[in-house]
Amino acid sequence: MSNWLLALSQVKMSVHGRDRLPSHQPLVVVSNHRSIMDAPLLMSAVGRPVRFACHHYMSQVPGLRTMINALGCLPLDAPGKGQTAFFRRAMNALGDGEAVGIFPEGAAPMVNKTTPDNLNSFHRGFAHLALRAPVEELAIVPVAIAANRETTNSVVPLRWLSIFDSSEPLFQQPGWHPAVFYQEVNLLIGRPVRVDARLRSRYRAKGPNNLANELAQCCQDEIADLLKQGCY
């Protein structure tokens, strides 16, 4: 389905660093996020299905819910409810050897208009997920999506989306939800972070949040550097 969506969009895509991808092991793919095209593009770049985390409201909207189910997405729990159910589903997927995709900036770059080289601070949830996953070894793979040509349309008033998720502060603001469609885009695969017994031992010794913060910052810095290379 991802390949069909990309063919339909006629986006011109270039992938750099594919040789860095680990083979035959679970992956946590992390990336910047501005467009509904990001998930299909990343699946094409890594060459395998990826179970992407998506905003809770997407699982509540008819039609959109059908699409995210077809793509194998993992909806986040409702805001304020914790992420116990999401973490359980994501860990099960990693335990089965699958790839899980996380957009660590959260939903803000999708709702607020941004430039292609913009990068918000990363949340550290993906690092906790990788370090707690029930597998012997996996890799966190940072990927930068660098658009060189794109169009932006306004699709729906933000406050209309509060019908599906009244607890989301982003849906309480005025204005319209932008929709970014890439015409020409570079995907740059960064240096994977190996998560194994040695790193998990540090996780326990240093305190969970300390190492998770380090990993989140490491991936954020890597993607920021890749964006500088890819946006021209």
C-alpha atoms as a PDB file:
ATOM      1  CA  MET A   1       0.000   0.000   0.000  1.00  0.00           C
ATOM      2  CA  SER A   2       2.877   2.379   0.782  1.00  0.00           C
ATOM      3  CA  ASN A   3       4.436   1.779  -2.647  1.00  0.00           C
ATOM      4  CA  TRP A   4       1.064   2.363  -4.293  1.00  0.00           C
ATOM      5  CA  LEU A   5       0.604   5.672  -2.439  1.00  0.00           C
ATOM      6  CA  LEU A   6       4.081   6.855  -3.460  1.00  0.00           C
ATOM      7  CA  ALA A   7       3.493   5.902  -7.103  1.00  0.00           C
ATOM      8  CA  LEU A   8       0.212   7.800  -7.045  1.00  0.00           C
ATOM      9  CA  SER A   9       1.886  10.912  -5.612  1.00  0.00           C
ATOM     10  CA  GLN A  10       4.653  10.864  -8.268  1.00  0.00           C
ATOM     11  CA  VAL A  11       7.149  12.124  -5.692  1.00  0.00           C
ATOM     12  CA  LYS A  12      10.803  12.148  -6.753  1.00  0.00           C
ATOM     13  CA  MET A  13      12.675  10.422  -3.929  1.00  0.00           C
ATOM     14  CA  SER A  14      16.400   9.860  -3.371  1.00  0.00           C
ATOM     15  CA  VAL A  15      17.692   7.600  -0.591  1.00  0.00           C
ATOM     16  CA  HIS A  16      21.188   8.009   0.859  1.00  0.00           C
ATOM     17  CA  GLY A  17      22.943   5.689   3.327  1.00  0.00           C
ATOM     18  CA  ARG A  18      20.865   2.586   2.743  1.00  0.00           C
ATOM     19  CA  ASP A  19      24.015   0.508   3.266  1.00  0.00           C
ATOM     20  CA  ARG A  20      23.937   1.544   6.932  1.00  0.00           C
ATOM     21  CA  LEU A  21      20.740  -0.395   7.591  1.00  0.00           C
ATOM     22  CA  PRO A  22      21.156  -3.492   9.785  1.00  0.00           C
ATOM     23  CA  SER A  23      19.647  -6.615   8.290  1.00  0.00           C
ATOM     24  CA  HIS A  24      17.510  -9.285   9.901  1.00  0.00           C
ATOM     25  CA  GLN A  25      16.888  -7.624  13.266  1.00  0.00           C
ATOM     26  CA  PRO A  26      14.203  -5.491  14.894  1.00  0.00           C
ATOM     27  CA  LEU A  27      14.454  -1.755  14.250  1.00  0.00           C
ATOM     28  CA  VAL A  28      13.211   1.411  15.901  1.00  0.00           C
ATOM     29  CA  VAL A  29      13.109   3.972  13.088  1.00  0.00           C
ATOM     30  CA  VAL A  30      13.061   7.631  14.194  1.00  0.00           C
ATOM     31  CA  SER A  31      12.592  10.617  11.927  1.00  0.00           C
ATOM     32  CA  ASN A  32      11.441  14.199  11.606  1.00  0.00           C
ATOM     33  CA  HIS A  33       7.791  14.501  10.591  1.00  0.00           C
ATOM     34  CA  ARG A  34       5.863  17.113   8.599  1.00  0.00           C
ATOM     35  CA  SER A  35       3.733  15.203   6.096  1.00  0.00           C
ATOM     36  CA  ILE A  36       1.320  12.290   5.794  1.00  0.00           C
ATOM     37  CA  MET A  37       3.751  11.039   3.136  1.00  0.00           C
ATOM     38  CA  ASP A  38       6.484  10.425   5.729  1.00  0.00           C
ATOM     39  CA  ALA A  39       5.483   6.901   6.751  1.00  0.00           C
ATOM     40  CA  PRO A  40       5.278   5.486   3.188  1.00  0.00           C
ATOM     41  CA  LEU A  41       8.554   7.219   2.278  1.00  0.00           C
ATOM     42  CA  LEU A  42      10.364   5.739   5.270  1.00  0.00           C
ATOM     43  CA  MET A  43       9.065   2.239   4.539  1.00  0.00           C
ATOM     44  CA  SER A  44      10.345   2.551   0.999  1.00  0.00           C
ATOM     45  CA  ALA A  45      13.716   3.860   2.236  1.00  0.00           C
ATOM     46  CA  VAL A  46      14.327   1.033   4.729  1.00  0.00           C
ATOM     47  CA  GLY A  47      12.914  -1.577   2.357  1.00  0.00           C
ATOM     48  CA  ARG A  48      10.604  -3.308   4.822  1.00  0.00           C
ATOM     49  CA  PRO A  49       7.251  -2.772   6.557  1.00  0.00           C
ATOM     50  CA  VAL A  50       7.378  -0.391   9.536  1.00  0.00           C
ATOM     51  CA  ARG A  51       4.692  -0.193  12.250  1.00  0.00           C
ATOM     52  CA  PHE A  52       4.448   3.561  12.841  1.00  0.00           C
ATOM     53  CA  ALA A  53       3.137   5.218  15.960  1.00  0.00           C
ATOM     54  CA  CYS A  54       0.371   7.653  15.068  1.00  0.00           C
ATOM     55  CA  HIS A  55      -1.722  10.217  16.912  1.00  0.00           C
ATOM     56  CA  HIS A  56      -4.672   8.876  18.893  1.00  0.00           C
ATOM     57  CA  TYR A  57      -7.232  10.910  16.934  1.00  0.00           C
ATOM     58  CA  MET A  58      -6.292   9.149  13.673  1.00  0.00           C
ATOM     59  CA  SER A  59      -7.754   5.942  15.064  1.00  0.00           C
ATOM     60  CA  GLN A  60     -11.046   7.767  15.728  1.00  0.00           C
ATOM     61  CA  VAL A  61     -11.679   9.251  12.261  1.00  0.00           C
ATOM     62  CA  PRO A  62     -13.641   7.042   9.818  1.00  0.00           C
ATOM     63  CA  GLY A  63     -11.690   6.513   6.603  1.00  0.00           C
ATOM     64  CA  LEU A  64      -8.434   7.613   8.207  1.00  0.00           C
ATOM     65  CA  ARG A  65      -8.771   4.732  10.668  1.00  0.00           C
ATOM     66  CA  THR A  66      -9.084   2.311   7.740  1.00  0.00           C
ATOM     67  CA  MET A  67      -5.899   3.679   6.145  1.00  0.00           C
ATOM     68  CA  ILE A  68      -3.766   3.499   9.295  1.00  0.00           C
ATOM     69  CA  ASN A  69      -4.982  -0.044   9.944  1.00  0.00           C
ATOM     70  CA  ALA A  70      -4.009  -1.023   6.392  1.00  0.00           C
ATOM     71  CA  LEU A  71      -0.549   0.514   6.953  1.00  0.00           C
ATOM     72  CA  GLY A  72      -0.145  -1.410  10.219  1.00  0.00           C
ATOM     73  CA  CYS A  73       0.151   1.748  12.325  1.00  0.00           C
ATOM     74  CA  LEU A  74       0.153   1.693  16.135  1.00  0.00           C
ATOM     75  CA  PRO A  75      -2.149   4.428  17.511  1.00  0.00           C
ATOM     76  CA  LEU A  76      -0.935   6.160  20.651  1.00  0.00           C
ATOM     77  CA  ASP A  77      -3.136   6.125  23.726  1.00  0.00           C
ATOM     78  CA  ALA A  78      -5.328   9.161  24.353  1.00  0.00           C
ATOM     79  CA  PRO A  79      -3.478  12.176  25.847  1.00  0.00           C
ATOM     80  CA  GLY A  80      -3.303  12.007  29.626  1.00  0.00           C
ATOM     81  CA  LYS A  81      -3.923   8.243  29.673  1.00  0.00           C
ATOM     82  CA  GLY A  82      -0.293   7.140  29.647  1.00  0.00           C
ATOM     83  CA  GLN A  83       1.052   4.945  26.862  1.00  0.00           C
ATOM     84  CA  THR A  84       0.763   1.503  28.437  1.00  0.00           C
ATOM     85  CA  ALA A  85      -1.302  -0.036  25.637  1.00  0.00           C
ATOM     86  CA  PHE A  86       0.866   1.500  22.906  1.00  0.00           C
ATOM     87  CA  PHE A  87       4.100   0.303  24.552  1.00  0.00           C
ATOM     88  CA  ARG A  88       2.680  -3.197  24.896  1.00  0.00           C
ATOM     89  CA  ARG A  89       1.754  -3.373  21.194  1.00  0.00           C
ATOM     90  CA  ALA A  90       5.068  -1.848  20.100  1.00  0.00           C
ATOM     91  CA  MET A  91       7.114  -4.236  22.265  1.00  0.00           C
ATOM     92  CA  ASN A  92       5.160  -7.188  20.884  1.00  0.00           C
ATOM     93  CA  ALA A  93       6.001  -6.022  17.347  1.00  0.00           C
ATOM     94  CA  LEU A  94       9.714  -5.700  18.179  1.00  0.00           C
ATOM     95  CA  GLY A  95       9.631  -9.079  19.894  1.00  0.00           C
ATOM     96  CA  ASP A  96       8.318 -10.529  16.619  1.00  0.00           C
ATOM     97  CA  GLY A  97      11.314  -9.058  14.774  1.00  0.00           C
ATOM     98  CA  GLU A  98       9.409  -6.176  13.192  1.00  0.00           C
ATOM     99  CA  ALA A  99      10.351  -2.523  12.699  1.00  0.00           C
ATOM    100  CA  VAL A 100       8.576   0.169  14.710  1.00  0.00           C
ATOM    101  CA  GLY A 101       8.607   3.809  13.608  1.00  0.00           C
ATOM    102  CA  ILE A 102       8.425   6.783  15.962  1.00  0.00           C
ATOM    103  CA  PHE A 103       8.237  10.503  15.187  1.00  0.00           C
ATOM    104  CA  PRO A 104       9.862  11.907  18.365  1.00  0.00           C
ATOM    105  CA  GLU A 105       8.850  15.529  17.738  1.00  0.00           C
ATOM    106  CA  GLY A 106       5.220  14.651  18.413  1.00  0.00           C
ATOM    107  CA  ALA A 107       2.284  16.113  16.496  1.00  0.00           C
ATOM    108  CA  ALA A 108       3.250  19.796  16.570  1.00  0.00           C
ATOM    109  CA  PRO A 109       5.199  19.879  13.231  1.00  0.00           C
ATOM    110  CA  MET A 110       2.189  18.312  11.486  1.00  0.00           C
ATOM    111  CA  VAL A 111      -0.201  20.946  12.838  1.00  0.00           C
ATOM    112  CA  ASN A 112       1.973  24.080  12.733  1.00  0.00           C
ATOM    113  CA  LYS A 113       3.527  25.224   9.458  1.00  0.00           C
ATOM    114  CA  THR A 114       7.292  24.639   9.454  1.00  0.00           C
ATOM    115  CA  THR A 115      10.190  24.857   7.032  1.00  0.00           C
ATOM    116  CA  PRO A 116      11.812  21.655   5.670  1.00  0.00           C
ATOM    117  CA  ASP A 117      14.924  22.107   7.833  1.00  0.00           C
ATOM    118  CA  ASN A 118      12.993  22.717  11.057  1.00  0.00           C
ATOM    119  CA  LEU A 119      13.462  20.237  13.906  1.00  0.00           C
ATOM    120  CA  ASN A 120      11.724  20.336  17.283  1.00  0.00           C
ATOM    121  CA  SER A 121      13.092  18.802  20.484  1.00  0.00           C
ATOM    122  CA  PHE A 122      12.724  15.019  20.660  1.00  0.00           C
ATOM    123  CA  HIS A 123      10.660  13.209  23.253  1.00  0.00           C
ATOM    124  CA  ARG A 124      12.553  10.282  24.778  1.00  0.00           C
ATOM    125  CA  GLY A 125       9.813   7.620  24.657  1.00  0.00           C
ATOM    126  CA  PHE A 126      11.386   5.839  21.675  1.00  0.00           C
ATOM    127  CA  ALA A 127      14.619   5.365  23.644  1.00  0.00           C
ATOM    128  CA  HIS A 128      12.762   3.757  26.566  1.00  0.00           C
ATOM    129  CA  LEU A 129      10.937   1.517  24.085  1.00  0.00           C
ATOM    130  CA  ALA A 130      14.191   0.363  22.468  1.00  0.00           C
ATOM    131  CA  LEU A 131      15.937  -0.220  25.792  1.00  0.00           C
ATOM    132  CA  ARG A 132      13.046  -2.208  27.270  1.00  0.00           C
ATOM    133  CA  ALA A 133      12.125  -4.256  24.205  1.00  0.00           C
ATOM    134  CA  PRO A 134      12.107  -8.035  24.813  1.00  0.00           C
ATOM    135  CA  VAL A 135      14.804  -8.807  22.226  1.00  0.00           C
ATOM    136  CA  GLU A 136      18.487  -9.633  22.510  1.00  0.00           C
ATOM    137  CA  GLU A 137      19.528  -6.844  20.157  1.00  0.00           C
ATOM    138  CA  LEU A 138      17.962  -4.168  17.987  1.00  0.00           C
ATOM    139  CA  ALA A 139      19.002  -0.955  16.269  1.00  0.00           C
ATOM    140  CA  ILE A 140      17.679   2.585  16.516  1.00  0.00           C
ATOM    141  CA  VAL A 141      17.895   4.054  13.008  1.00  0.00           C
ATOM    142  CA  PRO A 142      17.733   7.862  12.632  1.00  0.00           C
ATOM    143  CA  VAL A 143      16.451   9.075   9.251  1.00  0.00           C
ATOM    144  CA  ALA A 144      16.154  12.650   7.965  1.00  0.00           C
ATOM    145  CA  ILE A 145      13.376  13.561   5.526  1.00  0.00           C
ATOM    146  CA  ALA A 146      14.676  16.587   3.630  1.00  0.00           C
ATOM    147  CA  ALA A 147      12.223  18.150   1.193  1.00  0.00           C
ATOM    148  CA  ASN A 148      13.567  20.255  -1.670  1.00  0.00           C
ATOM    149  CA  ARG A 149      10.251  20.902  -3.426  1.00  0.00           C
ATOM    150  CA  GLU A 150       6.827  20.700  -1.815  1.00  0.00           C
ATOM    151  CA  THR A 151       3.344  22.180  -1.742  1.00  0.00           C
ATOM    152  CA  THR A 152       1.259  23.042   1.304  1.00  0.00           C
ATOM    153  CA  ASN A 153      -2.540  23.121   1.394  1.00  0.00           C
ATOM    154  CA  SER A 154      -5.028  23.886   4.157  1.00  0.00           C
ATOM    155  CA  VAL A 155      -7.337  20.911   4.672  1.00  0.00           C
ATOM    156  CA  VAL A 156      -9.508  21.362   7.764  1.00  0.00           C
ATOM    157  CA  PRO A 157      -9.980  23.848  10.630  1.00  0.00           C
ATOM    158  CA  LEU A 158      -7.959  22.595  13.598  1.00  0.00           C
ATOM    159  CA  ARG A 159     -10.875  22.987  15.978  1.00  0.00           C
ATOM    160  CA  TRP A 160     -12.925  20.517  13.936  1.00  0.00           C
ATOM    161  CA  LEU A 161     -10.448  17.804  14.929  1.00  0.00           C
ATOM    162  CA  SER A 162     -11.369  18.312  18.585  1.00  0.00           C
ATOM    163  CA  ILE A 163     -14.541  16.376  17.734  1.00  0.00           C
ATOM    164  CA  PHE A 164     -12.341  13.273  17.612  1.00  0.00           C
ATOM    165  CA  ASP A 165      -9.918  14.228  20.406  1.00  0.00           C
ATOM    166  CA  SER A 166     -11.110  17.004  22.707  1.00  0.00           C
ATOM    167  CA  SER A 167      -8.110  16.502  25.030  1.00  0.00           C
ATOM    168  CA  GLU A 168      -5.486  17.545  22.441  1.00  0.00           C
ATOM    169  CA  PRO A 169      -4.355  21.177  23.069  1.00  0.00           C
ATOM    170  CA  LEU A 170      -3.157  21.519  19.460  1.00  0.00           C
ATOM    171  CA  PHE A 171      -6.763  21.191  18.302  1.00  0.00           C
ATOM    172  CA  GLN A 172      -7.938  24.086  20.479  1.00  0.00           C
ATOM    173  CA  GLN A 173      -6.067  26.757  18.495  1.00  0.00           C
ATOM    174  CA  PRO A 174      -7.418  28.803  15.560  1.00  0.00           C
ATOM    175  CA  GLY A 175      -6.305  28.225  11.990  1.00  0.00           C
ATOM    176  CA  TRP A 176      -6.245  25.325   9.566  1.00  0.00           C
ATOM    177  CA  HIS A 177      -4.454  21.981   9.563  1.00  0.00           C
ATOM    178  CA  PRO A 178      -1.749  22.172   6.848  1.00  0.00           C
ATOM    179  CA  ALA A 179      -1.090  19.280   4.488  1.00  0.00           C
ATOM    180  CA  VAL A 180       2.456  19.089   3.106  1.00  0.00           C
ATOM    181  CA  PHE A 181       2.970  17.115  -0.095  1.00  0.00           C
ATOM    182  CA  TYR A 182       6.514  16.515  -1.283  1.00  0.00           C
ATOM    183  CA  GLN A 183       7.464  16.786  -4.940  1.00  0.00           C
ATOM    184  CA  GLU A 184      11.182  16.175  -4.498  1.00  0.00           C
ATOM    185  CA  VAL A 185      12.662  14.768  -1.292  1.00  0.00           C
ATOM    186  CA  ASN A 186      15.896  13.260   0.035  1.00  0.00           C
ATOM    187  CA  LEU A 187      15.883  10.568   2.704  1.00  0.00           C
ATOM    188  CA  LEU A 188      19.199  10.336   4.525  1.00  0.00           C
ATOM    189  CA  ILE A 189      19.787   7.305   6.767  1.00  0.00           C
ATOM    190  CA  GLY A 190      22.040   8.054   9.722  1.00  0.00           C
ATOM    191  CA  ARG A 191      24.307   5.952  11.889  1.00  0.00           C
ATOM    192  CA  PRO A 192      22.312   3.251  13.716  1.00  0.00           C
ATOM    193  CA  VAL A 193      22.538   2.993  17.483  1.00  0.00           C
ATOM    194  CA  ARG A 194      23.058  -0.606  18.607  1.00  0.00           C
ATOM    195  CA  VAL A 195      20.946  -1.542  21.616  1.00  0.00           C
ATOM    196  CA  ASP A 196      22.291  -4.673  23.290  1.00  0.00           C
ATOM    197  CA  ALA A 197      22.962  -6.128  26.745  1.00  0.00           C
ATOM    198  CA  ARG A 198      25.854  -3.725  27.347  1.00  0.00           C
ATOM    199  CA  LEU A 199      23.712  -0.647  26.705  1.00  0.00           C
ATOM    200  CA  ARG A 200      20.841  -2.031  28.773  1.00  0.00           C
ATOM    201  CA  SER A 201      23.255  -2.536  31.663  1.00  0.00           C
ATOM    202  CA  ARG A 202      24.168   1.168  31.448  1.00  0.00           C
ATOM    203  CA  TYR A 203      20.451   1.969  31.324  1.00  0.00           C
ATOM    204  CA  ARG A 204      19.923   0.265  34.658  1.00  0.00           C
ATOM    205  CA  ALA A 205      23.100   1.666  36.228  1.00  0.00           C
ATOM    206  CA  LYS A 206      22.748   5.303  35.163  1.00  0.00           C
ATOM    207  CA  GLY A 207      19.022   5.587  35.799  1.00  0.00           C
ATOM    208  CA  PRO A 208      16.455   5.125  33.007  1.00  0.00           C
ATOM    209  CA  ASN A 209      15.908   8.781  32.164  1.00  0.00           C
ATOM    210  CA  ASN A 210      19.596   9.688  31.971  1.00  0.00           C
ATOM    211  CA  LEU A 211      20.488   7.270  29.187  1.00  0.00           C
ATOM    212  CA  ALA A 212      17.146   7.789  27.425  1.00  0.00           C
ATOM    213  CA  ASN A 213      17.854  11.521  27.322  1.00  0.00           C
ATOM    214  CA  GLU A 214      21.309  10.858  25.879  1.00  0.00           C
ATOM    215  CA  LEU A 215      19.944   8.600  23.146  1.00  0.00           C
ATOM    216  CA  ALA A 216      17.176  11.053  22.263  1.00  0.00           C
ATOM    217  CA  GLN A 217      19.674  13.908  21.978  1.00  0.00           C
ATOM    218  CA  CYS A 218      22.081  11.754  19.963  1.00  0.00           C
ATOM    219  CA  CYS A 219      19.380  10.916  17.399  1.00  0.00           C
ATOM    220  CA  GLN A 220      18.153  14.504  17.295  1.00  0.00           C
ATOM    221  CA  ASP A 221      21.670  15.793  16.593  1.00  0.00           C
ATOM    222  CA  GLU A 222      22.210  13.155  13.907  1.00  0.00           C
ATOM    223  CA  ILE A 223      18.965  14.037  12.100  1.00  0.00           C
ATOM    224  CA  ALA A 224      19.688  17.781  12.399  1.00  0.00           C
ATOM    225  CA  ASP A 225      23.070  17.269  10.710  1.00  0.00           C
ATOM    226  CA  LEU A 226      21.502  15.119   7.978  1.00  0.00           C
ATOM    227  CA  LEU A 227      18.826  17.746   7.317  1.00  0.00           C
ATOM    228  CA  LYS A 228      21.536  20.334   6.695  1.00  0.00           C
ATOM    229  CA  GLN A 229      23.048  18.010   4.091  1.00  0.00           C
ATOM    230  CA  GLY A 230      19.760  17.090   2.457  1.00  0.00           C
ATOM    231  CA  CYS A 231      17.982  20.465   2.207  1.00  0.00           C
ATOM    232  CA  TYR A 232      19.482  22.499  -0.624  1.00  0.00           C
END
